[in-house]
Structures are given as structure tokens and as C-alpha cells.
Amino acid sequence: MIEARHLRVLRAVAATGSFSAAARELGCTQPAVSQQMKALEQSAGTPLLIRTGREMRLTQAGEALVRHAAGILAGLTAAEEEVAAIAGLRAGRVRLVSFPSGSSTLVPTALAAMRAAHPGTRVSLVEAEPPRSVEMLREGDCDVALAFRYGGRAGDRASGAGEAGNDPGEWADLVVRSLLTDRLVGLVPEGHRLAGAAQVGMAELAEEPWIAGCPRCRRHLVEVCEGVGFTPRIDFATDDYPAVVGLVGAGLGVAVLPELAVESVRAKGVSTLAVRPAVEREVVALTLPDLARVPAVAATLTQLERAAAR
């Protein structure tokens, strides 16, 4: 009989490429990993791994088992958490992954409320930007993912058009809780010719050097700029929002950031402007349908919604 603990070990071996690396990731010994893989192959009745030099390669059967392992382990997690929750949320855990500006704005309020209401429920947090955070959810490595996606301009949304690369069905298999609409704002140095203006057209920044954020944000910046007739010259790119603000404050360029990101940073030496055309992103909480029925997960989603409403 195939056991869940063996599937977890197989996934670790597949991800790391060796028994020793898998042992380090799982916090056990290499002989223990080898023993569990032998037991799994006996249960499966066929080889699952082939050694090639120092690395392990999956057989066709091993690939099939790894492909199904994420769903199996997610289902088991849902079952374990639901059973623990029967006692009234006196036990259990929720693994939350969030993008950085969500971690510093929405998450603290939500988790403080969770701890006050359900002190026996443990919520852990790691950071990842979408689409990686969504992949982690589908792979069974978290229970709730705080994510975002960009939409088109207001006129585009009314006509049914969306941002290129934003597939409306990309989350069709997930439970989606819309939390808030986060508008993007422009940042220029305090001494800039546009500093102090109420708003600025993106086209007015065509000749400026740009500082861009995360990969999805950079892609979206290029799309918006090209939509008004120019390709931005990106001199600096960083996933760190305080670094973006610092570079703008030092006079090294201009940027467009979500309001959540600006709220989470002490902006020195910069002027904040509304931008035309208005650009927004939708901030959402995602989970799997099975996990949405787990009371601890449902309570976390509720607290994230309340934090966003504030």
C-alpha cells in the first residue's frame, strides 16, 4: 500500500535530484530516504527512480506518481485539518503565502485577528510573488495564497478586454476571494518637474528612466506604456519595494507602484501622483476547493477579507 510519507519523500527526491539533498530538505538521514524509496517501489511493484551519475531520475512510473502526489497530499491535508477543526478550531494550522506588500499591510491585521479568535490555530507565513505563489498552492505547499492580477483600463474592462497574459480562466480551478482593488500610483523625485502635480499621463513620462518592480509588474508596466505609445527605458529592476522608492528618491528615475506597496514603505524624497490612464490590480485570496471547507482555512479567508475592508 502506498503511504503518504513515502509520497512526500518521492516528491523531495524528484525536486532535489538526490537522496542526500532530499534528506536535508526533509530533516532526516539519507539511509532513511533510501529505505522509504525502496518501500515505495515495493508497494508500486515497479522501479520509480534511476540513478544517473550522482543524480536520480524518475522513471515513467515515477513521473506518474509524482504528478498525482500533489493532489493526494492536498486531499490528505484537507482531511487532517477538517478532523482537527471538529473540536472547534482548538487545533490545526494554516500555511499562508503572500506577496511582500500584502505581507506588510493586509496580513498582520488578519493574523492578529485569527490569533485572538482562535489561539489554538497556528498560521505560518512565507513570501512569494504570483505566479509562484499560485503554483505552491496547486502543489500542496500552502493552504492559502494571497495573490494579485492586473486588469485592463476601465474602458477595457467595460468592453470585456483584459491585460495581455492575464487569462481570465487562470484560477478557474481555485476558490477566489476578491479582497480589494489596488490602484497604481506614479512616483517621481521631489525635485522633478512633475512633483506636486495632482496627476500625470503615462505618456508624459516617456523620456524618463524607469525603475521597475517584480517580473509580473515589469511586464505589466511595459504593456501599459506601449499602450500609450512608448517603450519604457528600464534602468533598474528590483523586487524590493523600499529599494524602488529609494532609487526614485535619489533622483535615479520614476516608477509606478501599487498603493499597497507605497503604504508599506516610508517614502522619503518622492512625490506621489495619480496616473492616467488609471491602472489597477485585483488583490485576491486563493485556496483549493477541498481546503475551502476546512474551518481554519475559511476563518483565515474571512479575516483577510475583513482586513481588506478596513
C-alpha atoms as a PDB file:
ATOM      1  CA  MET A   1       0.000   0.000   0.000  1.00  0.00           C
ATOM      2  CA  ILE A   2       1.327   3.442  -0.947  1.00  0.00           C
ATOM      3  CA  GLU A   3       1.764   5.679   2.108  1.00  0.00           C
ATOM      4  CA  ALA A   4       1.612   9.479   2.195  1.00  0.00           C
ATOM      5  CA  ARG A   5       5.012   9.730   3.907  1.00  0.00           C
ATOM      6  CA  HIS A   6       6.564   7.825   1.009  1.00  0.00           C
ATOM      7  CA  LEU A   7       4.951  10.214  -1.493  1.00  0.00           C
ATOM      8  CA  ARG A   8       6.395  13.204   0.352  1.00  0.00           C
ATOM      9  CA  VAL A   9       9.854  11.655   0.177  1.00  0.00           C
ATOM     10  CA  LEU A  10       9.442  10.857  -3.537  1.00  0.00           C
ATOM     11  CA  ARG A  11       8.452  14.472  -4.236  1.00  0.00           C
ATOM     12  CA  ALA A  12      11.522  15.702  -2.356  1.00  0.00           C
ATOM     13  CA  VAL A  13      13.824  13.371  -4.314  1.00  0.00           C
ATOM     14  CA  ALA A  14      12.228  14.448  -7.601  1.00  0.00           C
ATOM     15  CA  ALA A  15      12.606  18.134  -6.693  1.00  0.00           C
ATOM     16  CA  THR A  16      16.205  17.940  -5.415  1.00  0.00           C
ATOM     17  CA  GLY A  17      17.634  15.216  -7.648  1.00  0.00           C
ATOM     18  CA  SER A  18      19.329  13.126  -4.969  1.00  0.00           C
ATOM     19  CA  PHE A  19      18.712  11.182  -1.767  1.00  0.00           C
ATOM     20  CA  SER A  20      21.164  13.349   0.210  1.00  0.00           C
ATOM     21  CA  ALA A  21      19.572  16.630  -0.877  1.00  0.00           C
ATOM     22  CA  ALA A  22      16.104  15.240  -0.175  1.00  0.00           C
ATOM     23  CA  ALA A  23      17.255  14.153   3.292  1.00  0.00           C
ATOM     24  CA  ARG A  24      18.499  17.679   4.032  1.00  0.00           C
ATOM     25  CA  GLU A  25      15.207  19.185   2.882  1.00  0.00           C
ATOM     26  CA  LEU A  26      13.136  16.731   4.940  1.00  0.00           C
ATOM     27  CA  GLY A  27      15.367  16.883   8.021  1.00  0.00           C
ATOM     28  CA  CYS A  28      16.164  13.162   8.088  1.00  0.00           C
ATOM     29  CA  THR A  29      19.044  10.865   7.147  1.00  0.00           C
ATOM     30  CA  GLN A  30      19.992   9.641   3.674  1.00  0.00           C
ATOM     31  CA  PRO A  31      19.547   5.956   4.676  1.00  0.00           C
ATOM     32  CA  ALA A  32      16.014   6.786   5.846  1.00  0.00           C
ATOM     33  CA  VAL A  33      15.213   8.321   2.445  1.00  0.00           C
ATOM     34  CA  SER A  34      16.689   5.298   0.652  1.00  0.00           C
ATOM     35  CA  GLN A  35      14.708   2.900   2.836  1.00  0.00           C
ATOM     36  CA  GLN A  36      11.422   4.711   2.214  1.00  0.00           C
ATOM     37  CA  MET A  37      12.039   4.772  -1.543  1.00  0.00           C
ATOM     38  CA  LYS A  38      12.656   1.022  -1.517  1.00  0.00           C
ATOM     39  CA  ALA A  39       9.397   0.512   0.382  1.00  0.00           C
ATOM     40  CA  LEU A  40       7.530   2.708  -2.106  1.00  0.00           C
ATOM     41  CA  GLU A  41       8.933   0.804  -5.087  1.00  0.00           C
ATOM     42  CA  GLN A  42       7.883  -2.463  -3.471  1.00  0.00           C
ATOM     43  CA  SER A  43       4.368  -1.108  -2.999  1.00  0.00           C
ATOM     44  CA  ALA A  44       4.245   0.181  -6.565  1.00  0.00           C
ATOM     45  CA  GLY A  45       5.653  -3.058  -7.971  1.00  0.00           C
ATOM     46  CA  THR A  46       7.954  -1.242 -10.393  1.00  0.00           C
ATOM     47  CA  PRO A  47      11.104   0.947 -10.308  1.00  0.00           C
ATOM     48  CA  LEU A  48      10.400   4.632  -9.741  1.00  0.00           C
ATOM     49  CA  LEU A  49      13.941   6.050  -9.814  1.00  0.00           C
ATOM     50  CA  ILE A  50      17.045   5.518 -11.930  1.00  0.00           C
ATOM     51  CA  ARG A  51      20.487   6.657 -10.763  1.00  0.00           C
ATOM     52  CA  THR A  52      22.355   8.679 -13.423  1.00  0.00           C
ATOM     53  CA  GLY A  53      25.767   9.633 -12.061  1.00  0.00           C
ATOM     54  CA  ARG A  54      25.175  11.464  -8.800  1.00  0.00           C
ATOM     55  CA  GLU A  55      21.562  12.311  -9.555  1.00  0.00           C
ATOM     56  CA  MET A  56      18.314  10.372  -9.501  1.00  0.00           C
ATOM     57  CA  ARG A  57      15.982  10.424 -12.492  1.00  0.00           C
ATOM     58  CA  LEU A  58      12.324   9.442 -12.417  1.00  0.00           C
ATOM     59  CA  THR A  59      11.071   6.517 -14.470  1.00  0.00           C
ATOM     60  CA  GLN A  60       7.794   6.876 -16.349  1.00  0.00           C
ATOM     61  CA  ALA A  61       6.011   5.306 -13.379  1.00  0.00           C
ATOM     62  CA  GLY A  62       7.800   7.677 -11.007  1.00  0.00           C
ATOM     63  CA  GLU A  63       6.718  10.686 -13.066  1.00  0.00           C
ATOM     64  CA  ALA A  64       3.102   9.493 -12.958  1.00  0.00           C
ATOM     65  CA  LEU A  65       3.228   9.048  -9.189  1.00  0.00           C
ATOM     66  CA  VAL A  66       4.770  12.492  -8.616  1.00  0.00           C
ATOM     67  CA  ARG A  67       2.139  14.032 -10.886  1.00  0.00           C
ATOM     68  CA  HIS A  68      -0.655  12.617  -8.704  1.00  0.00           C
ATOM     69  CA  ALA A  69       1.151  13.154  -5.388  1.00  0.00           C
ATOM     70  CA  ALA A  70       0.281  16.870  -5.058  1.00  0.00           C
ATOM     71  CA  GLY A  71      -3.450  16.229  -5.279  1.00  0.00           C
ATOM     72  CA  ILE A  72      -3.255  13.232  -2.952  1.00  0.00           C
ATOM     73  CA  LEU A  73      -1.261  15.129  -0.322  1.00  0.00           C
ATOM     74  CA  ALA A  74      -3.530  18.187  -0.596  1.00  0.00           C
ATOM     75  CA  GLY A  75      -6.544  15.938  -0.044  1.00  0.00           C
ATOM     76  CA  LEU A  76      -4.917  14.347   2.986  1.00  0.00           C
ATOM     77  CA  THR A  77      -4.057  17.773   4.400  1.00  0.00           C
ATOM     78  CA  ALA A  78      -7.668  18.849   3.956  1.00  0.00           C
ATOM     79  CA  ALA A  79      -8.865  15.716   5.736  1.00  0.00           C
ATOM     80  CA  GLU A  80      -6.430  16.157   8.633  1.00  0.00           C
ATOM     81  CA  GLU A  81      -7.317  19.817   9.097  1.00  0.00           C
ATOM     82  CA  GLU A  82     -11.062  19.199   8.897  1.00  0.00           C
ATOM     83  CA  VAL A  83     -10.861  16.488  11.556  1.00  0.00           C
ATOM     84  CA  ALA A  84      -8.814  18.768  13.828  1.00  0.00           C
ATOM     85  CA  ALA A  85     -11.310  21.577  13.268  1.00  0.00           C
ATOM     86  CA  ILE A  86     -14.240  19.490  14.524  1.00  0.00           C
ATOM     87  CA  ALA A  87     -13.050  20.299  18.038  1.00  0.00           C
ATOM     88  CA  GLY A  88     -13.888  23.954  17.350  1.00  0.00           C
ATOM     89  CA  LEU A  89     -10.597  25.263  15.917  1.00  0.00           C
ATOM     90  CA  ARG A  90      -8.722  24.374  19.073  1.00  0.00           C
ATOM     91  CA  ALA A  91      -6.035  22.831  16.877  1.00  0.00           C
ATOM     92  CA  GLY A  92      -4.838  22.970  13.317  1.00  0.00           C
ATOM     93  CA  ARG A  93      -2.628  25.025  11.065  1.00  0.00           C
ATOM     94  CA  VAL A  94      -2.899  27.220   8.002  1.00  0.00           C
ATOM     95  CA  ARG A  95       0.061  27.768   5.690  1.00  0.00           C
ATOM     96  CA  LEU A  96      -0.227  31.212   4.107  1.00  0.00           C
ATOM     97  CA  VAL A  97       1.890  32.559   1.255  1.00  0.00           C
ATOM     98  CA  SER A  98       1.735  36.236   0.339  1.00  0.00           C
ATOM     99  CA  PHE A  99       3.428  38.787  -1.898  1.00  0.00           C
ATOM    100  CA  PRO A 100       5.545  41.323   0.092  1.00  0.00           C
ATOM    101  CA  SER A 101       3.246  44.375   0.073  1.00  0.00           C
ATOM    102  CA  GLY A 102       0.343  42.153   1.148  1.00  0.00           C
ATOM    103  CA  SER A 103       2.505  40.718   3.935  1.00  0.00           C
ATOM    104  CA  SER A 104       3.159  44.175   5.374  1.00  0.00           C
ATOM    105  CA  THR A 105      -0.375  45.594   5.052  1.00  0.00           C
ATOM    106  CA  LEU A 106      -3.206  43.031   4.992  1.00  0.00           C
ATOM    107  CA  VAL A 107      -1.596  40.019   6.636  1.00  0.00           C
ATOM    108  CA  PRO A 108      -0.632  41.449  10.075  1.00  0.00           C
ATOM    109  CA  THR A 109      -4.189  42.631  10.792  1.00  0.00           C
ATOM    110  CA  ALA A 110      -5.703  39.354   9.591  1.00  0.00           C
ATOM    111  CA  LEU A 111      -3.317  37.141  11.562  1.00  0.00           C
ATOM    112  CA  ALA A 112      -3.685  39.185  14.748  1.00  0.00           C
ATOM    113  CA  ALA A 113      -7.457  38.734  14.486  1.00  0.00           C
ATOM    114  CA  MET A 114      -7.004  34.989  13.853  1.00  0.00           C
ATOM    115  CA  ARG A 115      -4.825  34.600  16.929  1.00  0.00           C
ATOM    116  CA  ALA A 116      -7.321  36.497  19.085  1.00  0.00           C
ATOM    117  CA  ALA A 117     -10.312  34.475  17.828  1.00  0.00           C
ATOM    118  CA  HIS A 118      -8.639  31.060  17.505  1.00  0.00           C
ATOM    119  CA  PRO A 119      -5.443  30.946  19.600  1.00  0.00           C
ATOM    120  CA  GLY A 120      -5.066  27.216  19.034  1.00  0.00           C
ATOM    121  CA  THR A 121      -4.800  27.597  15.268  1.00  0.00           C
ATOM    122  CA  ARG A 122      -1.258  28.148  14.037  1.00  0.00           C
ATOM    123  CA  VAL A 123      -0.789  30.250  10.911  1.00  0.00           C
ATOM    124  CA  SER A 124       2.599  30.276   9.193  1.00  0.00           C
ATOM    125  CA  LEU A 125       3.695  32.761   6.526  1.00  0.00           C
ATOM    126  CA  VAL A 126       6.156  32.670   3.652  1.00  0.00           C
ATOM    127  CA  GLU A 127       6.530  35.177   0.817  1.00  0.00           C
ATOM    128  CA  ALA A 128       6.268  34.565  -2.908  1.00  0.00           C
ATOM    129  CA  GLU A 129       5.036  36.604  -5.842  1.00  0.00           C
ATOM    130  CA  PRO A 130       2.437  35.220  -8.242  1.00  0.00           C
ATOM    131  CA  PRO A 131       2.537  33.077 -10.293  1.00  0.00           C
ATOM    132  CA  ARG A 132       4.930  31.161  -7.982  1.00  0.00           C
ATOM    133  CA  SER A 133       2.561  31.523  -5.010  1.00  0.00           C
ATOM    134  CA  VAL A 134      -0.285  30.029  -7.059  1.00  0.00           C
ATOM    135  CA  GLU A 135       1.969  27.142  -8.101  1.00  0.00           C
ATOM    136  CA  MET A 136       2.753  26.497  -4.426  1.00  0.00           C
ATOM    137  CA  LEU A 137      -0.970  26.265  -3.692  1.00  0.00           C
ATOM    138  CA  ARG A 138      -1.590  23.785  -6.507  1.00  0.00           C
ATOM    139  CA  GLU A 139       1.460  21.737  -5.480  1.00  0.00           C
ATOM    140  CA  GLY A 140       0.161  21.387  -1.913  1.00  0.00           C
ATOM    141  CA  ASP A 141       2.875  23.564  -0.347  1.00  0.00           C
ATOM    142  CA  CYS A 142       0.451  26.092   1.154  1.00  0.00           C
ATOM    143  CA  ASP A 143      -3.240  26.357   2.066  1.00  0.00           C
ATOM    144  CA  VAL A 144      -3.996  29.997   1.211  1.00  0.00           C
ATOM    145  CA  ALA A 145      -2.237  32.186  -1.347  1.00  0.00           C
ATOM    146  CA  LEU A 146      -2.536  35.957  -1.326  1.00  0.00           C
ATOM    147  CA  ALA A 147      -2.045  36.982  -4.946  1.00  0.00           C
ATOM    148  CA  PHE A 148      -2.889  39.651  -7.478  1.00  0.00           C
ATOM    149  CA  ARG A 149      -3.570  40.068 -11.162  1.00  0.00           C
ATOM    150  CA  TYR A 150      -3.685  43.140 -13.328  1.00  0.00           C
ATOM    151  CA  GLY A 151      -6.738  44.214 -15.262  1.00  0.00           C
ATOM    152  CA  GLY A 152      -7.093  46.476 -18.213  1.00  0.00           C
ATOM    153  CA  ARG A 153      -8.030  50.148 -18.092  1.00  0.00           C
ATOM    154  CA  ALA A 154     -11.561  50.995 -17.032  1.00  0.00           C
ATOM    155  CA  GLY A 155     -12.712  51.237 -20.622  1.00  0.00           C
ATOM    156  CA  ASP A 156     -11.142  47.907 -21.476  1.00  0.00           C
ATOM    157  CA  ARG A 157     -12.884  46.180 -18.564  1.00  0.00           C
ATOM    158  CA  ALA A 158     -16.232  47.587 -19.660  1.00  0.00           C
ATOM    159  CA  SER A 159     -15.717  46.173 -23.145  1.00  0.00           C
ATOM    160  CA  GLY A 160     -14.612  42.792 -21.788  1.00  0.00           C
ATOM    161  CA  ALA A 161     -10.945  43.112 -22.748  1.00  0.00           C
ATOM    162  CA  GLY A 162      -8.191  42.319 -20.263  1.00  0.00           C
ATOM    163  CA  GLU A 163      -4.466  42.602 -19.910  1.00  0.00           C
ATOM    164  CA  ALA A 164      -2.414  40.566 -22.321  1.00  0.00           C
ATOM    165  CA  GLY A 165      -1.160  37.487 -20.497  1.00  0.00           C
ATOM    166  CA  ASN A 166      -3.937  37.629 -17.895  1.00  0.00           C
ATOM    167  CA  ASP A 167      -6.003  34.571 -18.723  1.00  0.00           C
ATOM    168  CA  PRO A 168      -9.462  35.031 -17.165  1.00  0.00           C
ATOM    169  CA  GLY A 169      -9.526  31.274 -16.545  1.00  0.00           C
ATOM    170  CA  GLU A 170      -6.100  31.026 -14.910  1.00  0.00           C
ATOM    171  CA  TRP A 171      -7.698  30.469 -11.480  1.00  0.00           C
ATOM    172  CA  ALA A 172     -10.768  28.541 -12.688  1.00  0.00           C
ATOM    173  CA  ASP A 173      -9.825  25.505 -10.578  1.00  0.00           C
ATOM    174  CA  LEU A 174      -9.418  27.546  -7.381  1.00  0.00           C
ATOM    175  CA  VAL A 175     -11.665  29.262  -4.853  1.00  0.00           C
ATOM    176  CA  VAL A 176     -11.132  33.001  -5.397  1.00  0.00           C
ATOM    177  CA  ARG A 177     -11.964  35.593  -2.716  1.00  0.00           C
ATOM    178  CA  SER A 178     -11.615  39.100  -4.114  1.00  0.00           C
ATOM    179  CA  LEU A 179     -10.195  41.352  -1.372  1.00  0.00           C
ATOM    180  CA  LEU A 180      -9.645  44.795  -2.862  1.00  0.00           C
ATOM    181  CA  THR A 181      -8.767  46.820  -5.931  1.00  0.00           C
ATOM    182  CA  ASP A 182      -5.285  48.308  -5.617  1.00  0.00           C
ATOM    183  CA  ARG A 183      -4.665  51.357  -7.807  1.00  0.00           C
ATOM    184  CA  LEU A 184      -1.204  52.082  -9.172  1.00  0.00           C
ATOM    185  CA  VAL A 185       0.356  55.476  -8.490  1.00  0.00           C
ATOM    186  CA  GLY A 186       3.314  57.268 -10.022  1.00  0.00           C
ATOM    187  CA  LEU A 187       6.446  58.137  -8.068  1.00  0.00           C
ATOM    188  CA  VAL A 188       8.836  60.921  -9.079  1.00  0.00           C
ATOM    189  CA  PRO A 189      11.704  62.568  -7.168  1.00  0.00           C
ATOM    190  CA  GLU A 190      10.692  65.598  -5.076  1.00  0.00           C
ATOM    191  CA  GLY A 191      12.678  67.917  -7.342  1.00  0.00           C
ATOM    192  CA  HIS A 192      11.142  66.530 -10.535  1.00  0.00           C
ATOM    193  CA  ARG A 193       9.331  68.859 -12.936  1.00  0.00           C
ATOM    194  CA  LEU A 194       6.076  67.000 -12.237  1.00  0.00           C
ATOM    195  CA  ALA A 195       6.424  66.851  -8.446  1.00  0.00           C
ATOM    196  CA  GLY A 196       3.352  68.287  -6.780  1.00  0.00           C
ATOM    197  CA  ALA A 197       1.070  67.689  -9.754  1.00  0.00           C
ATOM    198  CA  ALA A 198      -2.284  66.090  -8.968  1.00  0.00           C
ATOM    199  CA  GLN A 199      -1.914  63.538 -11.741  1.00  0.00           C
ATOM    200  CA  VAL A 200       0.276  62.684 -14.681  1.00  0.00           C
ATOM    201  CA  GLY A 201      -0.297  60.981 -18.006  1.00  0.00           C
ATOM    202  CA  MET A 202       1.903  57.947 -18.592  1.00  0.00           C
ATOM    203  CA  ALA A 203       2.901  59.434 -21.963  1.00  0.00           C
ATOM    204  CA  GLU A 204       4.416  62.432 -20.141  1.00  0.00           C
ATOM    205  CA  LEU A 205       6.996  60.065 -18.654  1.00  0.00           C
ATOM    206  CA  ALA A 206       8.079  58.597 -21.990  1.00  0.00           C
ATOM    207  CA  GLU A 207      11.594  60.062 -21.879  1.00  0.00           C
ATOM    208  CA  GLU A 208      12.239  59.254 -18.216  1.00  0.00           C
ATOM    209  CA  PRO A 209      14.498  56.480 -16.898  1.00  0.00           C
ATOM    210  CA  TRP A 210      12.322  53.877 -15.126  1.00  0.00           C
ATOM    211  CA  ILE A 211      12.667  51.761 -12.020  1.00  0.00           C
ATOM    212  CA  ALA A 212      10.546  48.607 -12.186  1.00  0.00           C
ATOM    213  CA  GLY A 213       9.328  46.073  -9.634  1.00  0.00           C
ATOM    214  CA  CYS A 214       8.616  42.320  -9.681  1.00  0.00           C
ATOM    215  CA  PRO A 215       8.661  40.401 -13.025  1.00  0.00           C
ATOM    216  CA  ARG A 216       4.863  40.449 -13.413  1.00  0.00           C
ATOM    217  CA  CYS A 217       4.831  44.162 -12.532  1.00  0.00           C
ATOM    218  CA  ARG A 218       7.624  44.887 -15.032  1.00  0.00           C
ATOM    219  CA  ARG A 219       5.743  43.061 -17.779  1.00  0.00           C
ATOM    220  CA  HIS A 220       2.600  44.980 -16.967  1.00  0.00           C
ATOM    221  CA  LEU A 221       4.494  48.317 -16.921  1.00  0.00           C
ATOM    222  CA  VAL A 222       5.799  47.673 -20.436  1.00  0.00           C
ATOM    223  CA  GLU A 223       2.303  46.748 -21.656  1.00  0.00           C
ATOM    224  CA  VAL A 224       0.728  49.903 -20.208  1.00  0.00           C
ATOM    225  CA  CYS A 225       3.457  52.159 -21.622  1.00  0.00           C
ATOM    226  CA  GLU A 226       3.303  50.542 -25.038  1.00  0.00           C
ATOM    227  CA  GLY A 227      -0.469  51.032 -24.902  1.00  0.00           C
ATOM    228  CA  VAL A 228       0.073  54.818 -24.830  1.00  0.00           C
ATOM    229  CA  GLY A 229       2.791  54.806 -27.479  1.00  0.00           C
ATOM    230  CA  PHE A 230       6.229  54.258 -25.944  1.00  0.00           C
ATOM    231  CA  THR A 231       8.519  51.563 -24.557  1.00  0.00           C
ATOM    232  CA  PRO A 232       9.953  52.472 -21.134  1.00  0.00           C
ATOM    233  CA  ARG A 233      13.712  52.583 -20.648  1.00  0.00           C
ATOM    234  CA  ILE A 234      14.104  50.454 -17.502  1.00  0.00           C
ATOM    235  CA  ASP A 235      17.436  51.315 -15.867  1.00  0.00           C
ATOM    236  CA  PHE A 236      16.817  49.439 -12.607  1.00  0.00           C
ATOM    237  CA  ALA A 237      14.673  46.427 -11.737  1.00  0.00           C
ATOM    238  CA  THR A 238      14.168  45.079  -8.218  1.00  0.00           C
ATOM    239  CA  ASP A 239      11.575  43.009  -6.368  1.00  0.00           C
ATOM    240  CA  ASP A 240      12.220  45.108  -3.244  1.00  0.00           C
ATOM    241  CA  TYR A 241       9.677  47.954  -2.976  1.00  0.00           C
ATOM    242  CA  PRO A 242      11.732  50.030  -0.471  1.00  0.00           C
ATOM    243  CA  ALA A 243      14.586  49.836  -2.972  1.00  0.00           C
ATOM    244  CA  VAL A 244      12.313  51.157  -5.734  1.00  0.00           C
ATOM    245  CA  VAL A 245      11.261  54.086  -3.542  1.00  0.00           C
ATOM    246  CA  GLY A 246      14.867  54.719  -2.504  1.00  0.00           C
ATOM    247  CA  LEU A 247      16.072  54.809  -6.105  1.00  0.00           C
ATOM    248  CA  VAL A 248      13.309  57.238  -7.063  1.00  0.00           C
ATOM    249  CA  GLY A 249      14.092  59.396  -4.021  1.00  0.00           C
ATOM    250  CA  ALA A 250      17.745  59.518  -5.086  1.00  0.00           C
ATOM    251  CA  GLY A 251      16.679  61.002  -8.421  1.00  0.00           C
ATOM    252  CA  LEU A 252      17.602  57.944 -10.490  1.00  0.00           C
ATOM    253  CA  GLY A 253      14.269  57.551 -12.249  1.00  0.00           C
ATOM    254  CA  VAL A 254      10.495  57.336 -11.971  1.00  0.00           C
ATOM    255  CA  ALA A 255       8.283  54.386 -11.067  1.00  0.00           C
ATOM    256  CA  VAL A 256       4.703  53.189 -10.884  1.00  0.00           C
ATOM    257  CA  LEU A 257       3.807  51.150  -7.799  1.00  0.00           C
ATOM    258  CA  PRO A 258       0.606  49.758  -6.246  1.00  0.00           C
ATOM    259  CA  GLU A 259      -0.780  51.864  -3.409  1.00  0.00           C
ATOM    260  CA  LEU A 260      -0.375  48.888  -1.032  1.00  0.00           C
ATOM    261  CA  ALA A 261       3.358  48.885  -1.768  1.00  0.00           C
ATOM    262  CA  VAL A 262       3.675  52.630  -1.188  1.00  0.00           C
ATOM    263  CA  GLU A 263       1.669  52.326   2.038  1.00  0.00           C
ATOM    264  CA  SER A 264       4.097  49.703   3.324  1.00  0.00           C
ATOM    265  CA  VAL A 265       7.196  51.880   2.720  1.00  0.00           C
ATOM    266  CA  ARG A 266       8.260  55.127   4.370  1.00  0.00           C
ATOM    267  CA  ALA A 267       8.543  57.174   1.190  1.00  0.00           C
ATOM    268  CA  LYS A 268      11.320  59.767   1.521  1.00  0.00           C
ATOM    269  CA  GLY A 269      12.246  62.228  -1.189  1.00  0.00           C
ATOM    270  CA  VAL A 270       9.447  61.213  -3.551  1.00  0.00           C
ATOM    271  CA  SER A 271       6.227  62.775  -4.782  1.00  0.00           C
ATOM    272  CA  THR A 272       3.196  60.543  -5.369  1.00  0.00           C
ATOM    273  CA  LEU A 273       0.920  61.206  -8.351  1.00  0.00           C
ATOM    274  CA  ALA A 274      -2.243  59.704  -9.769  1.00  0.00           C
ATOM    275  CA  VAL A 275      -1.599  58.290 -13.241  1.00  0.00           C
ATOM    276  CA  ARG A 276      -3.617  58.388 -16.459  1.00  0.00           C
ATOM    277  CA  PRO A 277      -4.891  56.051 -17.733  1.00  0.00           C
ATOM    278  CA  ALA A 278      -5.944  54.593 -14.375  1.00  0.00           C
ATOM    279  CA  VAL A 279      -4.303  51.205 -13.818  1.00  0.00           C
ATOM    280  CA  GLU A 280      -5.440  48.753 -11.157  1.00  0.00           C
ATOM    281  CA  ARG A 281      -4.683  45.279  -9.879  1.00  0.00           C
ATOM    282  CA  GLU A 282      -7.081  42.914  -8.147  1.00  0.00           C
ATOM    283  CA  VAL A 283      -5.810  41.522  -4.841  1.00  0.00           C
ATOM    284  CA  VAL A 284      -7.297  38.125  -4.002  1.00  0.00           C
ATOM    285  CA  ALA A 285      -7.013  35.235  -1.573  1.00  0.00           C
ATOM    286  CA  LEU A 286      -6.899  31.802  -3.228  1.00  0.00           C
ATOM    287  CA  THR A 287      -7.338  28.279  -1.942  1.00  0.00           C
ATOM    288  CA  LEU A 288      -8.271  24.826  -3.243  1.00  0.00           C
ATOM    289  CA  PRO A 289     -11.943  23.771  -3.196  1.00  0.00           C
ATOM    290  CA  ASP A 290     -11.254  20.952  -0.710  1.00  0.00           C
ATOM    291  CA  LEU A 291      -9.318  23.258   1.602  1.00  0.00           C
ATOM    292  CA  ALA A 292     -12.034  25.950   1.489  1.00  0.00           C
ATOM    293  CA  ARG A 293     -14.224  23.601   3.566  1.00  0.00           C
ATOM    294  CA  VAL A 294     -11.628  23.409   6.343  1.00  0.00           C
ATOM    295  CA  PRO A 295     -12.803  25.781   9.112  1.00  0.00           C
ATOM    296  CA  ALA A 296      -9.316  27.121   9.872  1.00  0.00           C
ATOM    297  CA  VAL A 297      -8.782  27.995   6.212  1.00  0.00           C
ATOM    298  CA  ALA A 298     -12.262  29.513   5.946  1.00  0.00           C
ATOM    299  CA  ALA A 299     -11.597  31.613   9.063  1.00  0.00           C
ATOM    300  CA  THR A 300      -8.311  32.864   7.589  1.00  0.00           C
ATOM    301  CA  LEU A 301     -10.063  33.881   4.377  1.00  0.00           C
ATOM    302  CA  THR A 302     -12.699  35.741   6.412  1.00  0.00           C
ATOM    303  CA  GLN A 303     -10.059  37.636   8.394  1.00  0.00           C
ATOM    304  CA  LEU A 304      -8.225  38.595   5.200  1.00  0.00           C
ATOM    305  CA  GLU A 305     -11.499  39.955   3.805  1.00  0.00           C
ATOM    306  CA  ARG A 306     -12.088  41.977   6.978  1.00  0.00           C
ATOM    307  CA  ALA A 307      -8.543  43.334   6.923  1.00  0.00           C
ATOM    308  CA  ALA A 308      -9.011  44.429   3.313  1.00  0.00           C
ATOM    309  CA  ALA A 309     -12.350  46.071   4.142  1.00  0.00           C
ATOM    310  CA  ARG A 310     -10.610  48.232   6.752  1.00  0.00           C
END
